[in-house]
Each structure stands twice: as C-alpha cells, then as structure tokens.
Amino acid sequence: MGHPQEVARDLKAYLGTGKPTTDWYYSADGDPQHIVTKKKAAPLIHGKCE
C-alpha cells in the first residue's frame, strides 16, 4: 500500500462502524503513485457474503 493515510482512514472507519469510508480512492490516469480522492463517491457493493 503506497498511501497509508487512505488505508488507515478506511480501516479506522471500518473498525468503528463496520463500514469503510464513503470516499473513493483510485490511481489517476494509470499512475499508481498519483492517488485521487473523491469525497462521498465510493461505489459500495452490497450483497451477501458467501
């Protein structure tokens, strides 16, 4: 994980609420060193865990 702050935010949210943050982190233009954050834009997938 090249961006520990984002990972820490998601883990903290998950451990506190059972859900990740609603922010969407992704690499821009295929560059894994450039992470973009879109606030409240995460494409959350809901469904049964099997």
Protein backbone atom coordinates (compact mmCIF):
# COMPACT_ATOMS: atom_id res chain seq x y z
CA MET A 1 0.00 0.00 0.00
CA GLY A 2 1.65 3.15 -1.19
CA HIS A 3 -0.79 5.52 0.53
CA PRO A 4 -1.04 4.60 4.21
CA GLN A 5 -3.20 7.59 5.20
CA GLU A 6 -6.05 6.47 2.96
CA VAL A 7 -5.75 2.86 4.11
CA ALA A 8 -5.71 3.99 7.76
CA ARG A 9 -8.87 6.10 7.23
CA ASP A 10 -10.74 3.16 5.75
CA LEU A 11 -9.57 0.79 8.50
CA LYS A 12 -10.47 3.24 11.25
CA ALA A 13 -13.94 3.74 9.77
CA TYR A 14 -14.45 0.00 9.35
CA LEU A 15 -13.33 -0.84 12.87
CA GLY A 16 -15.52 1.90 14.33
CA THR A 17 -18.67 1.44 12.25
CA GLY A 18 -18.37 -1.85 10.38
CA LYS A 19 -18.27 0.06 7.08
CA PRO A 20 -15.47 1.65 5.06
CA THR A 21 -15.43 5.36 4.35
CA THR A 22 -17.61 6.66 1.55
CA ASP A 23 -14.56 8.25 -0.09
CA TRP A 24 -13.27 6.69 -3.30
CA TYR A 25 -9.50 6.39 -3.69
CA TYR A 26 -8.09 5.45 -7.08
CA SER A 27 -4.99 5.96 -9.17
CA ALA A 28 -5.32 8.70 -11.75
CA ASP A 29 -4.51 8.01 -15.37
CA GLY A 30 -2.99 4.63 -14.54
CA ASP A 31 -0.28 6.18 -12.36
CA PRO A 32 -0.25 4.23 -9.07
CA GLN A 33 1.78 6.98 -7.43
CA HIS A 34 -0.95 9.60 -8.01
CA ILE A 35 -3.96 8.83 -5.85
CA VAL A 36 -7.17 10.80 -6.32
CA THR A 37 -9.80 11.06 -3.60
CA LYS A 38 -13.44 11.69 -4.44
CA LYS A 39 -15.37 12.53 -1.28
CA LYS A 40 -18.55 10.52 -0.72
CA ALA A 41 -18.27 8.82 -4.11
CA ALA A 42 -17.20 5.25 -3.30
CA PRO A 43 -19.02 2.65 -5.38
CA LEU A 44 -20.06 0.49 -2.43
CA ILE A 45 -21.23 -3.00 -3.29
CA HIS A 46 -23.84 -4.54 -1.04
CA GLY A 47 -24.65 -8.20 -1.06
CA LYS A 48 -24.41 -11.47 0.74
CA CYS A 49 -21.03 -12.80 1.73
CA GLU A 50 -20.75 -16.47 0.90
